[in-house]
C-alpha cells in the first residue's frame, strides 16, 4: 500500500524531470540552429550572379535535396512574403532553465544552494542573490557592449572573460560548489538569451519595419546583432559544460572550481575557433586542439589537487541543521542508518572501500548521521521508492530495508517537503 498513492516528492521529481527534458530539447534546437547559421555565415561565397544587395551564397545538400541560400548583409530590396524568425528556441531554453533553477536550487535551497560554512544565508537571501546576480550580469555586460568597447571586439571579449571569472569566484564564496558552477552557467546563458531578446530581435524588427515602409535599412543594426551573435557562439560550449558539471564532483567539489570554469571558457574559444575558421574555408587550425588538450589536463590537475571535502572527524562534529535534525530524530532512523552504512557507505565514503570507486559518486557521503539526514531525499528516492541504488543491488539491499527507508522518510514528514 505504501506505493499506491504518489506523494509530493514523487510528483516533484517528475516535474523536475519534465522541465529538464524540455530544457534539453529546446537547448538542442537553439544550439543546433545557432551553430548552423554561424557555419553558414562563415561559408558564404561571392559570386557574379548574386542578386542586388546579396553578400554571398551557399549551396548545401541534405535530406535528398539541394538548397541554394543567399544572404543579404543588410536586407533585400523588398520585404519577402515568407519570413522565418529564429527566437523561440532561445526563449524556451532560458525559460525552462529558469524553471529548473527554481525547482532544484530555489525550492531545494537548504540542500543544493546554501552552504552555511561559507555564508549562513536565509532561503530568501540565497534566492535574492541567485536571481539578482543574473539580472545584474546582463546589465553590466550590455552597458559594456554599448560603450566604446563595442568598437574593439577583442578587448570586449577579454573583459567579458574577466567578468565571468570574477563571477565564478564570487559564486563560490556564497553557494555550494555545485550551485556555484550551475549559476555561472545560468549567468552566461542569461546574457546569451538577453542578447537575442533585447538586441538581436529588436534590431531585426527595425530592419523589417524599414523595408515595409520603403526606407533603406541602416546597416548598423545588423553589425550590432552580429557582435552579440558572435559572443553567443563562443559562450555556448562552456555553458553546456557548466550545466553538466552538477553530475561530476571533480568539477564542482574542488576548491579551484572557479579556475576550472575559467579554463573551460578558454577551451570554448579554442574549439569554436577551429570550427569557425574551418567553416570560413581558412584552413584547419590544428594548434587549437593542442591548446585545448593542455587546458583540459590543467582542469584535471586542479580538480584532484583541490578536492574540497570535510574529513570524517569534521563531519561527525558538524552540528545538524533543523531539517537534518528532523530526519535524525524521526522514528526508524537507527534502522535506516544501519542499512545505509551496511549497503551504501563503502562507495559513498570520503575514502571509498569498494574496488574501482575512487571518489564518492556525485560527491554524496553517507558515513555519519548528519550525512544520512542531509541526503534523506536522495536515499528515499534512490533506495526507497526505487531500486536505483545500490546499482544492480550489488550489496543486496533487502526489500524490507527499502520499506524501512520509506516509513522513516514519511515519519519525518519528508513527503510534504517537495522542494526539500
Protein backbone atom coordinates (compact mmCIF):
# COMPACT_ATOMS: atom_id res chain seq x y z
CA UNK A 1 0.00 0.00 0.00
CA UNK A 2 2.99 2.29 0.51
CA UNK A 3 3.50 2.80 -3.22
CA UNK A 4 -0.10 3.20 -4.42
CA UNK A 5 -0.51 6.94 -3.92
CA UNK A 6 2.26 9.23 -5.26
CA UNK A 7 3.46 11.67 -2.60
CA UNK A 8 4.73 15.20 -3.13
CA UNK A 9 8.32 14.04 -3.65
CA UNK A 10 7.31 11.73 -6.49
CA UNK A 11 5.31 14.49 -8.15
CA UNK A 12 8.17 16.96 -7.61
CA UNK A 13 10.73 14.54 -9.09
CA UNK A 14 8.61 14.03 -12.20
CA UNK A 15 8.04 17.78 -12.51
CA UNK A 16 11.82 18.34 -12.38
CA UNK A 17 12.34 15.56 -14.94
CA UNK A 18 9.74 17.05 -17.30
CA UNK A 19 11.30 20.51 -17.05
CA UNK A 20 14.81 19.09 -17.57
CA UNK A 21 13.57 17.15 -20.59
CA UNK A 22 12.07 20.32 -22.04
CA UNK A 23 15.26 22.24 -21.30
CA UNK A 24 17.45 19.72 -23.09
CA UNK A 25 15.15 19.58 -26.13
CA UNK A 26 14.96 23.34 -26.51
CA UNK A 27 18.70 23.72 -25.89
CA UNK A 28 19.42 21.23 -28.68
CA UNK A 29 17.18 23.24 -31.01
CA UNK A 30 18.80 26.56 -30.06
CA UNK A 31 22.40 25.35 -30.18
CA UNK A 32 21.78 23.48 -33.41
CA UNK A 33 20.31 26.49 -35.21
CA UNK A 34 22.98 28.80 -33.76
CA UNK A 35 25.87 26.61 -34.88
CA UNK A 36 24.25 26.06 -38.26
CA UNK A 37 23.86 29.76 -39.02
CA UNK A 38 27.37 30.61 -37.83
CA UNK A 39 28.76 27.89 -40.12
CA UNK A 40 26.51 29.09 -42.96
CA UNK A 41 27.56 32.71 -42.50
CA UNK A 42 31.25 31.86 -42.45
CA UNK A 43 30.96 29.64 -45.53
CA UNK A 44 29.26 32.15 -47.82
CA UNK A 45 30.88 32.59 -51.23
CA UNK A 46 30.96 35.62 -53.51
CA UNK A 47 29.54 35.08 -56.99
CA UNK A 48 28.98 37.43 -60.00
CA UNK A 49 25.33 36.50 -60.47
CA UNK A 50 24.18 37.38 -56.93
CA UNK A 51 21.01 39.48 -56.59
CA UNK A 52 21.42 43.15 -55.71
CA UNK A 53 22.34 43.57 -52.06
CA UNK A 54 23.29 39.93 -51.56
CA UNK A 55 26.52 39.38 -49.62
CA UNK A 56 27.18 35.78 -50.61
CA UNK A 57 25.68 32.41 -51.43
CA UNK A 58 25.96 28.82 -50.27
CA UNK A 59 24.94 25.53 -51.86
CA UNK A 60 24.11 22.70 -49.47
CA UNK A 61 22.78 19.17 -49.78
CA UNK A 62 20.70 17.44 -47.12
CA UNK A 63 17.77 15.05 -46.91
CA UNK A 64 17.90 14.08 -50.57
CA UNK A 65 17.74 17.62 -51.93
CA UNK A 66 19.83 20.71 -52.68
CA UNK A 67 19.50 24.10 -51.01
CA UNK A 68 20.61 27.39 -52.54
CA UNK A 69 20.94 30.11 -49.91
CA UNK A 70 21.67 33.81 -50.38
CA UNK A 71 22.50 36.16 -47.53
CA UNK A 72 21.73 39.89 -47.61
CA UNK A 73 24.14 41.72 -45.35
CA UNK A 74 21.61 44.44 -44.58
CA UNK A 75 18.30 43.49 -46.22
CA UNK A 76 16.76 42.68 -49.62
CA UNK A 77 15.12 45.44 -51.61
CA UNK A 78 11.65 44.23 -50.72
CA UNK A 79 10.10 42.51 -47.74
CA UNK A 80 9.85 38.77 -48.57
CA UNK A 81 6.43 37.15 -48.46
CA UNK A 82 7.53 34.42 -46.07
CA UNK A 83 9.98 35.14 -43.27
CA UNK A 84 11.01 32.64 -40.60
CA UNK A 85 12.18 34.03 -37.28
CA UNK A 86 14.54 32.12 -35.01
CA UNK A 87 13.82 33.20 -31.46
CA UNK A 88 11.65 30.72 -29.56
CA UNK A 89 14.47 28.18 -29.38
CA UNK A 90 16.42 30.67 -27.26
CA UNK A 91 13.48 31.89 -25.20
CA UNK A 92 12.24 28.36 -24.43
CA UNK A 93 15.71 27.24 -23.40
CA UNK A 94 16.09 30.10 -20.93
CA UNK A 95 12.55 29.82 -19.56
CA UNK A 96 12.83 26.07 -18.99
CA UNK A 97 16.31 26.55 -17.48
CA UNK A 98 14.97 29.23 -15.14
CA UNK A 99 12.14 26.91 -14.10
CA UNK A 100 14.65 24.12 -13.43
CA UNK A 101 16.79 26.51 -11.37
CA UNK A 102 13.76 27.39 -9.27
CA UNK A 103 12.60 23.79 -8.81
CA UNK A 104 16.04 22.42 -7.94
CA UNK A 105 18.01 25.25 -6.31
CA UNK A 106 15.40 27.66 -5.01
CA UNK A 107 12.90 25.13 -3.70
CA UNK A 108 15.80 22.93 -2.53
CA UNK A 109 17.93 25.79 -1.24
CA UNK A 110 18.81 24.11 2.07
CA UNK A 111 20.13 21.05 0.24
CA UNK A 112 21.66 22.31 -3.01
CA UNK A 113 22.13 26.08 -2.82
CA UNK A 114 23.13 27.22 0.65
CA UNK A 115 26.48 26.32 2.17
CA UNK A 116 26.28 27.51 5.78
CA UNK A 117 30.04 27.19 6.20
CA UNK A 118 30.55 29.84 3.50
CA UNK A 119 27.53 32.03 4.20
CA UNK A 120 24.75 31.28 6.66
CA UNK A 121 22.00 32.66 4.43
CA UNK A 122 18.26 32.54 4.86
CA UNK A 123 16.47 30.92 1.92
CA UNK A 124 15.08 34.25 0.73
CA UNK A 125 18.56 35.81 0.81
CA UNK A 126 20.07 32.98 -1.23
CA UNK A 127 17.26 33.25 -3.80
CA UNK A 128 17.69 37.03 -3.99
CA UNK A 129 21.43 36.64 -4.68
CA UNK A 130 20.71 33.90 -7.21
CA UNK A 131 18.15 35.81 -9.26
CA UNK A 132 19.62 39.26 -8.72
CA UNK A 133 23.07 38.25 -9.94
CA UNK A 134 21.64 37.03 -13.25
CA UNK A 135 19.91 40.34 -13.89
CA UNK A 136 22.91 42.39 -12.74
CA UNK A 137 25.23 40.40 -15.02
CA UNK A 138 23.18 41.23 -18.08
CA UNK A 139 23.03 44.95 -17.20
CA UNK A 140 26.81 45.18 -16.78
CA UNK A 141 27.51 43.23 -19.96
CA UNK A 142 25.01 45.23 -22.01
CA UNK A 143 26.48 48.51 -20.75
CA UNK A 144 29.97 47.41 -21.81
CA UNK A 145 28.74 46.38 -25.27
CA UNK A 146 27.02 49.73 -25.80
CA UNK A 147 30.10 51.67 -24.75
CA UNK A 148 33.06 52.45 -26.99
CA UNK A 149 34.33 48.95 -26.26
CA UNK A 150 31.80 47.74 -28.80
CA UNK A 151 34.18 49.03 -31.46
CA UNK A 152 37.01 46.83 -30.13
CA UNK A 153 35.51 43.30 -30.04
CA UNK A 154 38.71 41.60 -28.83
CA UNK A 155 39.07 43.89 -25.81
CA UNK A 156 35.37 43.47 -25.10
CA UNK A 157 35.69 39.66 -25.15
CA UNK A 158 38.67 39.83 -22.76
CA UNK A 159 36.67 41.98 -20.34
CA UNK A 160 33.74 39.57 -20.61
CA UNK A 161 36.09 36.69 -19.76
CA UNK A 162 37.41 38.58 -16.71
CA UNK A 163 33.84 39.32 -15.60
CA UNK A 164 32.90 35.63 -15.89
CA UNK A 165 35.94 34.56 -13.86
CA UNK A 166 35.13 37.11 -11.15
CA UNK A 167 31.51 35.94 -11.04
CA UNK A 168 32.62 32.33 -10.81
CA UNK A 169 34.83 33.18 -7.84
CA UNK A 170 32.05 35.22 -6.27
CA UNK A 171 29.51 32.41 -6.51
CA UNK A 172 31.91 30.02 -4.77
CA UNK A 173 32.08 32.39 -1.80
CA UNK A 174 28.37 32.10 -1.01
CA UNK A 175 26.95 28.95 -2.62
CA UNK A 176 27.74 25.25 -2.64
CA UNK A 177 30.29 24.22 -5.29
CA UNK A 178 27.56 22.54 -7.31
CA UNK A 179 25.35 25.62 -7.22
CA UNK A 180 28.27 27.95 -7.96
CA UNK A 181 29.11 26.35 -11.31
CA UNK A 182 25.44 25.95 -12.22
CA UNK A 183 24.82 29.62 -11.51
CA UNK A 184 27.82 30.67 -13.56
CA UNK A 185 26.25 28.72 -16.42
CA UNK A 186 22.89 30.40 -15.81
CA UNK A 187 24.62 33.79 -15.61
CA UNK A 188 26.19 33.20 -19.04
CA UNK A 189 23.03 31.72 -20.54
CA UNK A 190 21.05 34.76 -19.36
CA UNK A 191 23.44 37.03 -21.25
CA UNK A 192 23.03 34.88 -24.35
CA UNK A 193 19.23 34.83 -24.32
CA UNK A 194 19.04 38.52 -23.39
CA UNK A 195 21.20 39.21 -26.43
CA UNK A 196 18.53 37.58 -28.56
CA UNK A 197 15.54 39.16 -26.77
CA UNK A 198 16.81 42.70 -26.17
CA UNK A 199 19.25 43.25 -29.05
CA UNK A 200 19.18 40.84 -31.97
CA UNK A 201 15.41 40.54 -32.40
CA UNK A 202 14.59 44.26 -31.89
CA UNK A 203 17.28 45.21 -34.41
CA UNK A 204 15.86 42.78 -36.93
CA UNK A 205 12.39 44.20 -36.34
CA UNK A 206 13.73 47.70 -37.11
CA UNK A 207 15.11 46.44 -40.42
CA UNK A 208 11.81 44.73 -41.27
CA UNK A 209 9.86 47.90 -40.40
CA UNK A 210 12.15 49.94 -42.66
CA UNK A 211 11.58 47.52 -45.53
CA UNK A 212 7.81 47.67 -45.11
CA UNK A 213 7.94 51.47 -45.05
CA UNK A 214 10.12 51.62 -48.16
CA UNK A 215 13.12 53.01 -46.28
CA UNK A 216 16.71 51.85 -46.73
CA UNK A 217 17.67 49.95 -43.53
CA UNK A 218 20.64 51.22 -41.54
CA UNK A 219 23.47 48.62 -41.63
CA UNK A 220 24.47 49.44 -38.02
CA UNK A 221 21.65 47.26 -36.68
CA UNK A 222 22.99 44.20 -38.41
CA UNK A 223 26.51 44.96 -37.19
CA UNK A 224 25.35 45.21 -33.58
CA UNK A 225 23.38 41.98 -33.83
CA UNK A 226 26.36 40.20 -35.40
CA UNK A 227 28.59 41.17 -32.43
CA UNK A 228 26.13 39.72 -29.90
CA UNK A 229 25.63 36.60 -32.02
CA UNK A 230 29.40 36.06 -32.12
CA UNK A 231 29.56 36.29 -28.32
CA UNK A 232 26.82 33.70 -28.05
CA UNK A 233 28.73 31.41 -30.40
CA UNK A 234 31.85 31.39 -28.22
CA UNK A 235 29.92 31.05 -24.95
CA UNK A 236 27.81 28.04 -25.93
CA UNK A 237 30.23 25.20 -25.19
CA UNK A 238 31.25 26.47 -21.71
CA UNK A 239 27.58 26.86 -20.78
CA UNK A 240 26.92 23.22 -21.70
CA UNK A 241 29.87 22.12 -19.54
CA UNK A 242 28.65 24.18 -16.58
CA UNK A 243 25.13 22.76 -16.88
CA UNK A 244 26.52 19.21 -16.89
CA UNK A 245 29.01 19.86 -14.09
CA UNK A 246 26.49 19.12 -11.32
CA UNK A 247 26.84 15.42 -12.20
CA UNK A 248 30.63 15.44 -11.71
CA UNK A 249 32.01 16.27 -8.24
CA UNK A 250 35.55 16.51 -9.61
CA UNK A 251 34.36 19.66 -11.38
CA UNK A 252 32.25 21.31 -8.69
CA UNK A 253 33.66 19.92 -5.42
CA UNK A 254 37.16 21.31 -5.98
CA UNK A 255 38.23 24.45 -4.18
CA UNK A 256 39.54 25.54 -7.58
CA UNK A 257 36.19 25.06 -9.32
CA UNK A 258 36.10 28.70 -10.38
CA UNK A 259 39.52 28.30 -12.03
CA UNK A 260 38.30 25.13 -13.73
CA UNK A 261 35.37 27.14 -15.10
CA UNK A 262 37.77 29.84 -16.34
CA UNK A 263 39.81 27.25 -18.25
CA UNK A 264 36.62 25.79 -19.71
CA UNK A 265 35.71 29.21 -21.10
CA UNK A 266 39.11 29.32 -22.80
CA UNK A 267 38.54 25.82 -24.17
CA UNK A 268 35.25 27.00 -25.62
CA UNK A 269 37.15 29.69 -27.51
CA UNK A 270 39.82 27.32 -28.88
CA UNK A 271 37.29 24.71 -30.00
CA UNK A 272 34.97 27.21 -31.66
CA UNK A 273 37.93 28.96 -33.32
CA UNK A 274 38.89 25.69 -35.01
CA UNK A 275 35.42 25.11 -36.40
CA UNK A 276 34.77 28.75 -37.27
CA UNK A 277 37.98 29.04 -39.32
CA UNK A 278 37.24 25.69 -40.95
CA UNK A 279 33.75 26.79 -41.96
CA UNK A 280 35.22 30.05 -43.26
CA UNK A 281 37.50 27.94 -45.50
CA UNK A 282 40.59 29.42 -43.85
CA UNK A 283 42.21 26.06 -43.22
CA UNK A 284 42.46 23.77 -40.23
CA UNK A 285 43.92 25.40 -37.14
CA UNK A 286 45.20 22.19 -35.53
CA UNK A 287 47.11 24.11 -32.88
CA UNK A 288 43.80 24.88 -31.20
CA UNK A 289 43.39 21.22 -30.28
CA UNK A 290 46.85 21.12 -28.73
CA UNK A 291 45.93 24.14 -26.59
CA UNK A 292 42.59 22.53 -25.71
CA UNK A 293 44.30 19.33 -24.53
CA UNK A 294 46.75 21.31 -22.38
CA UNK A 295 43.87 23.27 -20.84
CA UNK A 296 41.97 20.06 -20.13
CA UNK A 297 45.00 18.49 -18.45
CA UNK A 298 45.17 21.58 -16.25
CA UNK A 299 41.49 21.13 -15.43
CA UNK A 300 42.06 17.52 -14.37
CA UNK A 301 45.05 18.52 -12.23
CA UNK A 302 43.14 21.32 -10.50
CA UNK A 303 40.19 19.02 -9.77
CA UNK A 304 42.34 16.46 -7.94
CA UNK A 305 44.69 18.98 -6.30
CA UNK A 306 41.86 20.96 -4.77
CA UNK A 307 39.26 18.32 -3.96
CA UNK A 308 37.23 20.08 -1.30
CA UNK A 309 35.68 17.76 1.26
CA UNK A 310 35.47 17.58 5.03
CA UNK A 311 37.16 14.81 6.97
CA UNK A 312 35.18 12.11 8.72
CA UNK A 313 36.01 13.72 12.05
CA UNK A 314 34.78 17.11 10.85
CA UNK A 315 31.59 15.54 9.51
CA UNK A 316 30.89 13.82 12.82
CA UNK A 317 31.46 17.07 14.73
CA UNK A 318 29.31 19.19 12.40
CA UNK A 319 26.07 20.44 14.01
CA UNK A 320 22.92 19.37 12.20
CA UNK A 321 20.60 21.87 10.56
CA UNK A 322 16.96 22.00 11.72
CA UNK A 323 15.84 19.97 8.70
CA UNK A 324 18.56 17.37 9.26
CA UNK A 325 17.64 17.15 12.95
CA UNK A 326 14.07 16.42 11.93
CA UNK A 327 15.19 13.36 9.98
CA UNK A 328 17.79 12.22 12.52
CA UNK A 329 15.17 12.21 15.30
CA UNK A 330 12.41 10.59 13.24
CA UNK A 331 11.16 7.10 14.06
CA UNK A 332 13.14 4.40 12.28
CA UNK A 333 16.30 6.46 11.75
CA UNK A 334 18.57 3.97 13.50
CA UNK A 335 17.41 1.07 11.33
CA UNK A 336 17.83 3.17 8.18
CA UNK A 337 21.25 4.34 9.32
CA UNK A 338 22.34 0.70 9.85
CA UNK A 339 21.07 -0.23 6.36
CA UNK A 340 22.76 2.72 4.66
CA UNK A 341 26.06 2.16 6.45
CA UNK A 342 25.97 -1.51 5.52
CA UNK A 343 24.77 -1.19 1.92
CA UNK A 344 25.90 2.23 0.68
CA UNK A 345 28.81 3.69 2.62
CA UNK A 346 31.53 1.54 1.05
CA UNK A 347 31.08 3.67 -2.11
CA UNK A 348 29.67 6.85 -0.57
CA UNK A 349 32.65 7.43 1.71
CA UNK A 350 35.34 10.03 1.93
CA UNK A 351 37.76 7.20 1.21
CA UNK A 352 35.67 4.61 -0.69
CA UNK A 353 36.42 0.99 0.05
CA UNK A 354 34.66 -0.52 -2.95
CA UNK A 355 37.05 -1.69 -5.65
CA UNK A 356 37.20 0.65 -8.66
CA UNK A 357 35.48 3.54 -6.83
CA UNK A 358 37.96 6.33 -6.11
CA UNK A 359 35.54 9.18 -5.31
CA UNK A 360 32.08 9.08 -3.80
CA UNK A 361 29.51 9.12 -6.65
CA UNK A 362 28.20 12.65 -7.17
CA UNK A 363 30.11 13.76 -4.08
CA UNK A 364 27.47 12.23 -1.79
CA UNK A 365 28.86 10.92 1.52
CA UNK A 366 26.82 8.56 3.70
CA UNK A 367 29.06 7.83 6.68
CA UNK A 368 27.59 9.83 9.56
CA UNK A 369 24.16 10.58 10.96
CA UNK A 370 24.47 14.09 9.54
CA UNK A 371 25.36 12.72 6.11
CA UNK A 372 22.34 10.43 6.08
CA UNK A 373 19.95 13.10 7.34
CA UNK A 374 21.34 15.60 4.82
CA UNK A 375 20.70 13.25 1.91
CA UNK A 376 17.37 11.90 3.16
CA UNK A 377 15.55 12.80 0.00
CA UNK A 378 18.07 11.11 -2.33
CA UNK A 379 18.06 7.99 -0.13
CA UNK A 380 14.26 7.93 -0.19
CA UNK A 381 14.03 8.26 -3.98
CA UNK A 382 17.09 6.21 -4.99
CA UNK A 383 16.95 3.38 -2.46
CA UNK A 384 13.40 3.51 -1.08
CA UNK A 385 10.89 4.27 -3.79
CA UNK A 386 13.16 2.79 -6.47
CA UNK A 387 15.98 0.25 -6.57
CA UNK A 388 18.35 2.58 -8.44
CA UNK A 389 20.76 2.34 -5.52
CA UNK A 390 22.81 0.38 -4.82
CA UNK A 391 23.46 -0.06 -8.57
CA UNK A 392 22.45 -3.57 -9.71
CA UNK A 393 21.83 -4.12 -5.98
CA UNK A 394 25.46 -5.21 -5.64
CA UNK A 395 25.28 -5.04 -1.83
CA UNK A 396 21.97 -6.97 -1.69
CA UNK A 397 19.73 -4.39 -0.04
CA UNK A 398 16.64 -6.27 1.14
CA UNK A 399 13.05 -5.25 0.28
CA UNK A 400 12.29 -4.73 3.97
CA UNK A 401 15.20 -2.30 4.22
CA UNK A 402 13.72 -0.25 1.39
CA UNK A 403 10.36 -0.28 3.19
CA UNK A 404 12.10 0.98 6.34
CA UNK A 405 13.56 3.89 4.37
CA UNK A 406 10.12 4.82 3.06
CA UNK A 407 8.49 4.64 6.51
CA UNK A 408 11.31 6.66 8.10
CA UNK A 409 11.18 9.41 5.46
CA UNK A 410 7.41 9.73 5.75
CA UNK A 411 7.53 9.62 9.53
CA UNK A 412 9.80 12.66 9.39
CA UNK A 413 7.25 14.44 7.20
CA UNK A 414 9.64 14.44 4.26
CA UNK A 415 6.95 13.59 1.73
CA UNK A 416 5.38 17.01 2.32
CA UNK A 417 8.67 18.82 1.65
CA UNK A 418 8.59 18.72 -2.18
CA UNK A 419 11.46 21.12 -2.56
CA UNK A 420 13.50 19.97 0.44
